[in-house]
ModelCIF file with pLDDT and N, C-alpha, C, O atoms, coordinates in Angstrom:
data_MODEL
#
_entry.id   MODEL 
#
_entity.id                         1 
_entity.type                       polymer 
_entity.pdbx_number_of_molecules   1 
#
_entity_poly.entity_id                      1 
_entity_poly.type                           'polypeptide(L)' 
_entity_poly.nstd_linkage                   no 
_entity_poly.nstd_monomer                   no 
_entity_poly.pdbx_seq_one_letter_code       NAKKTVYLQMNSLKPEDTAVYYCNANLQEYSIISGID 
_entity_poly.pdbx_seq_one_letter_code_can   NAKKTVYLQMNSLKPEDTAVYYCNANLQEYSIISGID 
_entity_poly.pdbx_strand_id                 A 
#
loop_
_entity_poly_seq.entity_id 
_entity_poly_seq.num 
_entity_poly_seq.mon_id 
_entity_poly_seq.hetero 
1 1  ASN n 
1 2  ALA n 
1 3  LYS n 
1 4  LYS n 
1 5  THR n 
1 6  VAL n 
1 7  TYR n 
1 8  LEU n 
1 9  GLN n 
1 10 MET n 
1 11 ASN n 
1 12 SER n 
1 13 LEU n 
1 14 LYS n 
1 15 PRO n 
1 16 GLU n 
1 17 ASP n 
1 18 THR n 
1 19 ALA n 
1 20 VAL n 
1 21 TYR n 
1 22 TYR n 
1 23 CYS n 
1 24 ASN n 
1 25 ALA n 
1 26 ASN n 
1 27 LEU n 
1 28 GLN n 
1 29 GLU n 
1 30 TYR n 
1 31 SER n 
1 32 ILE n 
1 33 ILE n 
1 34 SER n 
1 35 GLY n 
1 36 ILE n 
1 37 ASP n 
#
_struct_asym.id          A 
_struct_asym.entity_id   1 
#
loop_
_ma_qa_metric.id 
_ma_qa_metric.mode 
_ma_qa_metric.name 
_ma_qa_metric.software_group_id 
_ma_qa_metric.type 
1 global pLDDT . pLDDT 
2 local  pLDDT . pLDDT 
#
_ma_qa_metric_global.metric_id      1 
_ma_qa_metric_global.metric_value   94.00 
_ma_qa_metric_global.model_id       1 
_ma_qa_metric_global.ordinal_id     1 
#
loop_
_ma_qa_metric_local.label_asym_id 
_ma_qa_metric_local.label_comp_id 
_ma_qa_metric_local.label_seq_id 
_ma_qa_metric_local.metric_id 
_ma_qa_metric_local.metric_value 
_ma_qa_metric_local.model_id 
_ma_qa_metric_local.ordinal_id 
A ASN 1  2 92.00 1 1  
A ALA 2  2 92.00 1 2  
A LYS 3  2 95.00 1 3  
A LYS 4  2 96.00 1 4  
A THR 5  2 97.00 1 5  
A VAL 6  2 97.00 1 6  
A TYR 7  2 98.00 1 7  
A LEU 8  2 98.00 1 8  
A GLN 9  2 98.00 1 9  
A MET 10 2 98.00 1 10 
A ASN 11 2 98.00 1 11 
A SER 12 2 98.00 1 12 
A LEU 13 2 98.00 1 13 
A LYS 14 2 98.00 1 14 
A PRO 15 2 98.00 1 15 
A GLU 16 2 97.00 1 16 
A ASP 17 2 98.00 1 17 
A THR 18 2 98.00 1 18 
A ALA 19 2 98.00 1 19 
A VAL 20 2 98.00 1 20 
A TYR 21 2 98.00 1 21 
A TYR 22 2 98.00 1 22 
A CYS 23 2 98.00 1 23 
A ASN 24 2 97.00 1 24 
A ALA 25 2 96.00 1 25 
A ASN 26 2 95.00 1 26 
A LEU 27 2 93.00 1 27 
A GLN 28 2 91.00 1 28 
A GLU 29 2 88.00 1 29 
A TYR 30 2 85.00 1 30 
A SER 31 2 82.00 1 31 
A ILE 32 2 80.00 1 32 
A ILE 33 2 78.00 1 33 
A SER 34 2 85.00 1 34 
A GLY 35 2 90.00 1 35 
A ILE 36 2 90.00 1 36 
A ASP 37 2 94.00 1 37 
#
loop_
_atom_site.group_PDB 
_atom_site.id 
_atom_site.type_symbol 
_atom_site.label_atom_id 
_atom_site.label_alt_id 
_atom_site.label_comp_id 
_atom_site.label_asym_id 
_atom_site.label_entity_id 
_atom_site.label_seq_id 
_atom_site.pdbx_PDB_ins_code 
_atom_site.Cartn_x 
_atom_site.Cartn_y 
_atom_site.Cartn_z 
_atom_site.occupancy 
_atom_site.B_iso_or_equiv 
_atom_site.pdbx_formal_charge 
_atom_site.auth_seq_id 
_atom_site.auth_comp_id 
_atom_site.auth_asym_id 
_atom_site.auth_atom_id 
_atom_site.pdbx_PDB_model_num 
ATOM 1   N N  . ASN A 1 1  ? 16.166 11.457 -8.509  1.00 92.00 ? 1  ASN A N  1 
ATOM 2   C CA . ASN A 1 1  ? 15.792 10.259 -9.673  1.00 92.00 ? 1  ASN A CA 1 
ATOM 3   C C  . ASN A 1 1  ? 15.681 8.652  -8.776  1.00 92.00 ? 1  ASN A C  1 
ATOM 4   O O  . ASN A 1 1  ? 15.292 7.618  -9.320  1.00 92.00 ? 1  ASN A O  1 
ATOM 5   N N  . ALA A 1 2  ? 15.942 8.713  -7.899  1.00 92.00 ? 2  ALA A N  1 
ATOM 6   C CA . ALA A 1 2  ? 15.716 7.534  -7.372  1.00 92.00 ? 2  ALA A CA 1 
ATOM 7   C C  . ALA A 1 2  ? 14.098 7.682  -7.217  1.00 92.00 ? 2  ALA A C  1 
ATOM 8   O O  . ALA A 1 2  ? 13.478 6.687  -7.594  1.00 92.00 ? 2  ALA A O  1 
ATOM 9   N N  . LYS A 1 3  ? 13.236 8.882  -6.669  1.00 95.00 ? 3  LYS A N  1 
ATOM 10  C CA . LYS A 1 3  ? 11.254 8.614  -6.798  1.00 95.00 ? 3  LYS A CA 1 
ATOM 11  C C  . LYS A 1 3  ? 11.233 8.610  -8.053  1.00 95.00 ? 3  LYS A C  1 
ATOM 12  O O  . LYS A 1 3  ? 10.383 7.778  -8.369  1.00 95.00 ? 3  LYS A O  1 
ATOM 13  N N  . LYS A 1 4  ? 11.928 9.312  -9.460  1.00 96.00 ? 4  LYS A N  1 
ATOM 14  C CA . LYS A 1 4  ? 11.778 9.366  -10.385 1.00 96.00 ? 4  LYS A CA 1 
ATOM 15  C C  . LYS A 1 4  ? 10.646 10.268 -10.444 1.00 96.00 ? 4  LYS A C  1 
ATOM 16  O O  . LYS A 1 4  ? 9.574  9.887  -10.914 1.00 96.00 ? 4  LYS A O  1 
ATOM 17  N N  . THR A 1 5  ? 10.847 11.649 -9.918  1.00 97.00 ? 5  THR A N  1 
ATOM 18  C CA . THR A 1 5  ? 9.839  12.802 -9.364  1.00 97.00 ? 5  THR A CA 1 
ATOM 19  C C  . THR A 1 5  ? 10.474 13.668 -9.721  1.00 97.00 ? 5  THR A C  1 
ATOM 20  O O  . THR A 1 5  ? 11.691 13.773 -9.568  1.00 97.00 ? 5  THR A O  1 
ATOM 21  N N  . VAL A 1 6  ? 9.570  14.618 -10.388 1.00 97.00 ? 6  VAL A N  1 
ATOM 22  C CA . VAL A 1 6  ? 9.677  16.498 -10.625 1.00 97.00 ? 6  VAL A CA 1 
ATOM 23  C C  . VAL A 1 6  ? 8.652  17.201 -9.459  1.00 97.00 ? 6  VAL A C  1 
ATOM 24  O O  . VAL A 1 6  ? 7.539  17.150 -8.934  1.00 97.00 ? 6  VAL A O  1 
ATOM 25  N N  . TYR A 1 7  ? 9.740  17.780 -9.493  1.00 98.00 ? 7  TYR A N  1 
ATOM 26  C CA . TYR A 1 7  ? 9.583  18.494 -8.870  1.00 98.00 ? 7  TYR A CA 1 
ATOM 27  C C  . TYR A 1 7  ? 8.645  20.186 -9.600  1.00 98.00 ? 7  TYR A C  1 
ATOM 28  O O  . TYR A 1 7  ? 8.720  20.264 -10.826 1.00 98.00 ? 7  TYR A O  1 
ATOM 29  N N  . LEU A 1 8  ? 7.980  21.201 -8.992  1.00 98.00 ? 8  LEU A N  1 
ATOM 30  C CA . LEU A 1 8  ? 8.128  22.934 -9.790  1.00 98.00 ? 8  LEU A CA 1 
ATOM 31  C C  . LEU A 1 8  ? 7.682  23.151 -9.349  1.00 98.00 ? 8  LEU A C  1 
ATOM 32  O O  . LEU A 1 8  ? 6.540  22.709 -9.226  1.00 98.00 ? 8  LEU A O  1 
ATOM 33  N N  . GLN A 1 9  ? 8.731  24.978 -8.026  1.00 98.00 ? 9  GLN A N  1 
ATOM 34  C CA . GLN A 1 9  ? 8.683  25.455 -7.139  1.00 98.00 ? 9  GLN A CA 1 
ATOM 35  C C  . GLN A 1 9  ? 7.829  26.421 -7.793  1.00 98.00 ? 9  GLN A C  1 
ATOM 36  O O  . GLN A 1 9  ? 8.135  26.927 -8.873  1.00 98.00 ? 9  GLN A O  1 
ATOM 37  N N  . MET A 1 10 ? 7.075  26.612 -7.348  1.00 98.00 ? 10 MET A N  1 
ATOM 38  C CA . MET A 1 10 ? 6.277  28.210 -7.723  1.00 98.00 ? 10 MET A CA 1 
ATOM 39  C C  . MET A 1 10 ? 6.008  29.251 -7.033  1.00 98.00 ? 10 MET A C  1 
ATOM 40  O O  . MET A 1 10 ? 4.984  29.426 -6.373  1.00 98.00 ? 10 MET A O  1 
ATOM 41  N N  . ASN A 1 11 ? 7.193  30.215 -7.191  1.00 98.00 ? 11 ASN A N  1 
ATOM 42  C CA . ASN A 1 11 ? 6.477  31.533 -6.020  1.00 98.00 ? 11 ASN A CA 1 
ATOM 43  C C  . ASN A 1 11 ? 6.758  32.352 -6.867  1.00 98.00 ? 11 ASN A C  1 
ATOM 44  O O  . ASN A 1 11 ? 7.399  32.390 -7.917  1.00 98.00 ? 11 ASN A O  1 
ATOM 45  N N  . SER A 1 12 ? 5.639  33.620 -5.682  1.00 98.00 ? 12 SER A N  1 
ATOM 46  C CA . SER A 1 12 ? 5.559  35.090 -6.812  1.00 98.00 ? 12 SER A CA 1 
ATOM 47  C C  . SER A 1 12 ? 4.651  34.288 -7.781  1.00 98.00 ? 12 SER A C  1 
ATOM 48  O O  . SER A 1 12 ? 4.738  33.877 -8.938  1.00 98.00 ? 12 SER A O  1 
ATOM 49  N N  . LEU A 1 13 ? 3.678  34.251 -6.712  1.00 98.00 ? 13 LEU A N  1 
ATOM 50  C CA . LEU A 1 13 ? 2.526  33.711 -7.453  1.00 98.00 ? 13 LEU A CA 1 
ATOM 51  C C  . LEU A 1 13 ? 1.592  34.746 -8.601  1.00 98.00 ? 13 LEU A C  1 
ATOM 52  O O  . LEU A 1 13 ? 1.515  35.735 -7.872  1.00 98.00 ? 13 LEU A O  1 
ATOM 53  N N  . LYS A 1 14 ? 0.914  35.122 -9.777  1.00 98.00 ? 14 LYS A N  1 
ATOM 54  C CA . LYS A 1 14 ? 0.612  35.867 -10.231 1.00 98.00 ? 14 LYS A CA 1 
ATOM 55  C C  . LYS A 1 14 ? -1.073 35.110 -11.259 1.00 98.00 ? 14 LYS A C  1 
ATOM 56  O O  . LYS A 1 14 ? -1.336 33.966 -11.630 1.00 98.00 ? 14 LYS A O  1 
ATOM 57  N N  . PRO A 1 15 ? -1.755 36.288 -11.371 1.00 98.00 ? 15 PRO A N  1 
ATOM 58  C CA . PRO A 1 15 ? -3.187 35.405 -11.956 1.00 98.00 ? 15 PRO A CA 1 
ATOM 59  C C  . PRO A 1 15 ? -2.746 34.817 -13.036 1.00 98.00 ? 15 PRO A C  1 
ATOM 60  O O  . PRO A 1 15 ? -3.251 33.761 -13.416 1.00 98.00 ? 15 PRO A O  1 
ATOM 61  N N  . GLU A 1 16 ? -1.705 35.434 -13.712 1.00 97.00 ? 16 GLU A N  1 
ATOM 62  C CA . GLU A 1 16 ? -1.147 34.984 -15.260 1.00 97.00 ? 16 GLU A CA 1 
ATOM 63  C C  . GLU A 1 16 ? -1.634 33.406 -15.227 1.00 97.00 ? 16 GLU A C  1 
ATOM 64  O O  . GLU A 1 16 ? -2.400 32.630 -15.798 1.00 97.00 ? 16 GLU A O  1 
ATOM 65  N N  . ASP A 1 17 ? -0.456 33.485 -13.940 1.00 98.00 ? 17 ASP A N  1 
ATOM 66  C CA . ASP A 1 17 ? 0.083  31.803 -14.069 1.00 98.00 ? 17 ASP A CA 1 
ATOM 67  C C  . ASP A 1 17 ? -1.237 31.078 -13.689 1.00 98.00 ? 17 ASP A C  1 
ATOM 68  O O  . ASP A 1 17 ? -0.879 29.944 -13.371 1.00 98.00 ? 17 ASP A O  1 
ATOM 69  N N  . THR A 1 18 ? -2.800 31.186 -13.543 1.00 98.00 ? 18 THR A N  1 
ATOM 70  C CA . THR A 1 18 ? -4.033 30.811 -13.964 1.00 98.00 ? 18 THR A CA 1 
ATOM 71  C C  . THR A 1 18 ? -3.618 29.044 -14.538 1.00 98.00 ? 18 THR A C  1 
ATOM 72  O O  . THR A 1 18 ? -2.519 28.944 -15.084 1.00 98.00 ? 18 THR A O  1 
ATOM 73  N N  . ALA A 1 19 ? -4.127 28.260 -14.462 1.00 98.00 ? 19 ALA A N  1 
ATOM 74  C CA . ALA A 1 19 ? -3.611 27.143 -16.085 1.00 98.00 ? 19 ALA A CA 1 
ATOM 75  C C  . ALA A 1 19 ? -4.136 25.903 -15.403 1.00 98.00 ? 19 ALA A C  1 
ATOM 76  O O  . ALA A 1 19 ? -4.519 25.890 -14.233 1.00 98.00 ? 19 ALA A O  1 
ATOM 77  N N  . VAL A 1 20 ? -4.128 24.849 -16.219 1.00 98.00 ? 20 VAL A N  1 
ATOM 78  C CA . VAL A 1 20 ? -3.281 23.441 -16.195 1.00 98.00 ? 20 VAL A CA 1 
ATOM 79  C C  . VAL A 1 20 ? -2.517 23.239 -16.199 1.00 98.00 ? 20 VAL A C  1 
ATOM 80  O O  . VAL A 1 20 ? -1.940 23.615 -17.220 1.00 98.00 ? 20 VAL A O  1 
ATOM 81  N N  . TYR A 1 21 ? -1.840 22.651 -15.412 1.00 98.00 ? 21 TYR A N  1 
ATOM 82  C CA . TYR A 1 21 ? 0.061  22.837 -15.277 1.00 98.00 ? 21 TYR A CA 1 
ATOM 83  C C  . TYR A 1 21 ? -0.331 20.848 -15.819 1.00 98.00 ? 21 TYR A C  1 
ATOM 84  O O  . TYR A 1 21 ? -1.414 20.286 -15.658 1.00 98.00 ? 21 TYR A O  1 
ATOM 85  N N  . TYR A 1 22 ? 0.985  20.205 -16.461 1.00 98.00 ? 22 TYR A N  1 
ATOM 86  C CA . TYR A 1 22 ? 0.667  19.139 -17.125 1.00 98.00 ? 22 TYR A CA 1 
ATOM 87  C C  . TYR A 1 22 ? 2.208  18.603 -16.907 1.00 98.00 ? 22 TYR A C  1 
ATOM 88  O O  . TYR A 1 22 ? 3.030  19.508 -17.054 1.00 98.00 ? 22 TYR A O  1 
ATOM 89  N N  . CYS A 1 23 ? 2.673  17.538 -16.642 1.00 98.00 ? 23 CYS A N  1 
ATOM 90  C CA . CYS A 1 23 ? 3.334  16.656 -16.374 1.00 98.00 ? 23 CYS A CA 1 
ATOM 91  C C  . CYS A 1 23 ? 3.847  15.963 -18.094 1.00 98.00 ? 23 CYS A C  1 
ATOM 92  O O  . CYS A 1 23 ? 3.109  15.363 -18.876 1.00 98.00 ? 23 CYS A O  1 
ATOM 93  N N  . ASN A 1 24 ? 5.281  16.293 -18.277 1.00 97.00 ? 24 ASN A N  1 
ATOM 94  C CA . ASN A 1 24 ? 5.507  15.243 -18.888 1.00 97.00 ? 24 ASN A CA 1 
ATOM 95  C C  . ASN A 1 24 ? 6.621  14.620 -19.396 1.00 97.00 ? 24 ASN A C  1 
ATOM 96  O O  . ASN A 1 24 ? 6.704  15.342 -20.390 1.00 97.00 ? 24 ASN A O  1 
ATOM 97  N N  . ALA A 1 25 ? 7.597  13.818 -19.522 1.00 96.00 ? 25 ALA A N  1 
ATOM 98  C CA . ALA A 1 25 ? 8.530  12.862 -19.330 1.00 96.00 ? 25 ALA A CA 1 
ATOM 99  C C  . ALA A 1 25 ? 8.575  11.909 -20.927 1.00 96.00 ? 25 ALA A C  1 
ATOM 100 O O  . ALA A 1 25 ? 7.707  11.490 -21.691 1.00 96.00 ? 25 ALA A O  1 
ATOM 101 N N  . ASN A 1 26 ? 10.470 11.857 -20.886 1.00 95.00 ? 26 ASN A N  1 
ATOM 102 C CA . ASN A 1 26 ? 10.671 11.364 -21.939 1.00 95.00 ? 26 ASN A CA 1 
ATOM 103 C C  . ASN A 1 26 ? 11.150 10.839 -21.369 1.00 95.00 ? 26 ASN A C  1 
ATOM 104 O O  . ASN A 1 26 ? 11.761 11.354 -20.432 1.00 95.00 ? 26 ASN A O  1 
ATOM 105 N N  . LEU A 1 27 ? 11.164 9.094  -21.658 1.00 93.00 ? 27 LEU A N  1 
ATOM 106 C CA . LEU A 1 27 ? 10.811 8.165  -20.985 1.00 93.00 ? 27 LEU A CA 1 
ATOM 107 C C  . LEU A 1 27 ? 11.618 6.657  -22.020 1.00 93.00 ? 27 LEU A C  1 
ATOM 108 O O  . LEU A 1 27 ? 11.511 6.479  -23.234 1.00 93.00 ? 27 LEU A O  1 
ATOM 109 N N  . GLN A 1 28 ? 12.289 5.892  -21.126 1.00 91.00 ? 28 GLN A N  1 
ATOM 110 C CA . GLN A 1 28 ? 12.933 4.420  -21.783 1.00 91.00 ? 28 GLN A CA 1 
ATOM 111 C C  . GLN A 1 28 ? 11.865 3.259  -21.223 1.00 91.00 ? 28 GLN A C  1 
ATOM 112 O O  . GLN A 1 28 ? 11.831 2.820  -20.073 1.00 91.00 ? 28 GLN A O  1 
ATOM 113 N N  . GLU A 1 29 ? 11.144 2.940  -22.159 1.00 88.00 ? 29 GLU A N  1 
ATOM 114 C CA . GLU A 1 29 ? 10.546 1.279  -21.352 1.00 88.00 ? 29 GLU A CA 1 
ATOM 115 C C  . GLU A 1 29 ? 11.984 -0.234 -21.422 1.00 88.00 ? 29 GLU A C  1 
ATOM 116 O O  . GLU A 1 29 ? 12.892 -0.167 -22.251 1.00 88.00 ? 29 GLU A O  1 
ATOM 117 N N  . TYR A 1 30 ? 11.888 -1.279 -20.536 1.00 85.00 ? 30 TYR A N  1 
ATOM 118 C CA . TYR A 1 30 ? 12.831 -1.751 -20.708 1.00 85.00 ? 30 TYR A CA 1 
ATOM 119 C C  . TYR A 1 30 ? 12.417 -2.808 -21.873 1.00 85.00 ? 30 TYR A C  1 
ATOM 120 O O  . TYR A 1 30 ? 12.408 -3.859 -21.233 1.00 85.00 ? 30 TYR A O  1 
ATOM 121 N N  . SER A 1 31 ? 12.062 -3.148 -23.234 1.00 82.00 ? 31 SER A N  1 
ATOM 122 C CA . SER A 1 31 ? 11.656 -3.311 -23.670 1.00 82.00 ? 31 SER A CA 1 
ATOM 123 C C  . SER A 1 31 ? 11.235 -2.382 -25.679 1.00 82.00 ? 31 SER A C  1 
ATOM 124 O O  . SER A 1 31 ? 10.878 -2.874 -26.750 1.00 82.00 ? 31 SER A O  1 
ATOM 125 N N  . ILE A 1 32 ? 11.622 -0.596 -25.126 1.00 80.00 ? 32 ILE A N  1 
ATOM 126 C CA . ILE A 1 32 ? 12.339 -0.117 -26.377 1.00 80.00 ? 32 ILE A CA 1 
ATOM 127 C C  . ILE A 1 32 ? 13.287 0.546  -25.954 1.00 80.00 ? 32 ILE A C  1 
ATOM 128 O O  . ILE A 1 32 ? 13.544 1.062  -24.867 1.00 80.00 ? 32 ILE A O  1 
ATOM 129 N N  . ILE A 1 33 ? 14.035 0.460  -27.389 1.00 78.00 ? 33 ILE A N  1 
ATOM 130 C CA . ILE A 1 33 ? 15.180 1.513  -26.655 1.00 78.00 ? 33 ILE A CA 1 
ATOM 131 C C  . ILE A 1 33 ? 15.046 3.492  -27.565 1.00 78.00 ? 33 ILE A C  1 
ATOM 132 O O  . ILE A 1 33 ? 15.978 4.294  -27.627 1.00 78.00 ? 33 ILE A O  1 
ATOM 133 N N  . SER A 1 34 ? 14.210 3.618  -27.879 1.00 85.00 ? 34 SER A N  1 
ATOM 134 C CA . SER A 1 34 ? 13.518 5.061  -28.480 1.00 85.00 ? 34 SER A CA 1 
ATOM 135 C C  . SER A 1 34 ? 12.770 5.213  -27.330 1.00 85.00 ? 34 SER A C  1 
ATOM 136 O O  . SER A 1 34 ? 12.251 4.282  -26.714 1.00 85.00 ? 34 SER A O  1 
ATOM 137 N N  . GLY A 1 35 ? 12.692 6.792  -26.938 1.00 90.00 ? 35 GLY A N  1 
ATOM 138 C CA . GLY A 1 35 ? 12.238 7.400  -25.751 1.00 90.00 ? 35 GLY A CA 1 
ATOM 139 C C  . GLY A 1 35 ? 11.401 8.187  -26.364 1.00 90.00 ? 35 GLY A C  1 
ATOM 140 O O  . GLY A 1 35 ? 11.636 8.805  -27.402 1.00 90.00 ? 35 GLY A O  1 
ATOM 141 N N  . ILE A 1 36 ? 9.595  8.192  -25.241 1.00 90.00 ? 36 ILE A N  1 
ATOM 142 C CA . ILE A 1 36 ? 8.837  7.992  -25.646 1.00 90.00 ? 36 ILE A CA 1 
ATOM 143 C C  . ILE A 1 36 ? 7.943  8.908  -24.533 1.00 90.00 ? 36 ILE A C  1 
ATOM 144 O O  . ILE A 1 36 ? 7.733  8.535  -23.378 1.00 90.00 ? 36 ILE A O  1 
ATOM 145 N N  . ASP A 1 37 ? 7.419  10.288 -25.164 1.00 94.00 ? 37 ASP A N  1 
ATOM 146 C CA . ASP A 1 37 ? 6.460  10.603 -24.168 1.00 94.00 ? 37 ASP A CA 1 
ATOM 147 C C  . ASP A 1 37 ? 5.182  10.395 -23.822 1.00 94.00 ? 37 ASP A C  1 
ATOM 148 O O  . ASP A 1 37 ? 4.731  10.902 -22.794 1.00 94.00 ? 37 ASP A O  1 
#
């Protein structure tokens, strides 16, 4: 939380895991009440 960072540890990887991996965040900016993706 301090670094505002999320990690994904991937073990025992398989060829079917091949893909482009996208990070997603739902967050609030200071001037906006609702969360935004």
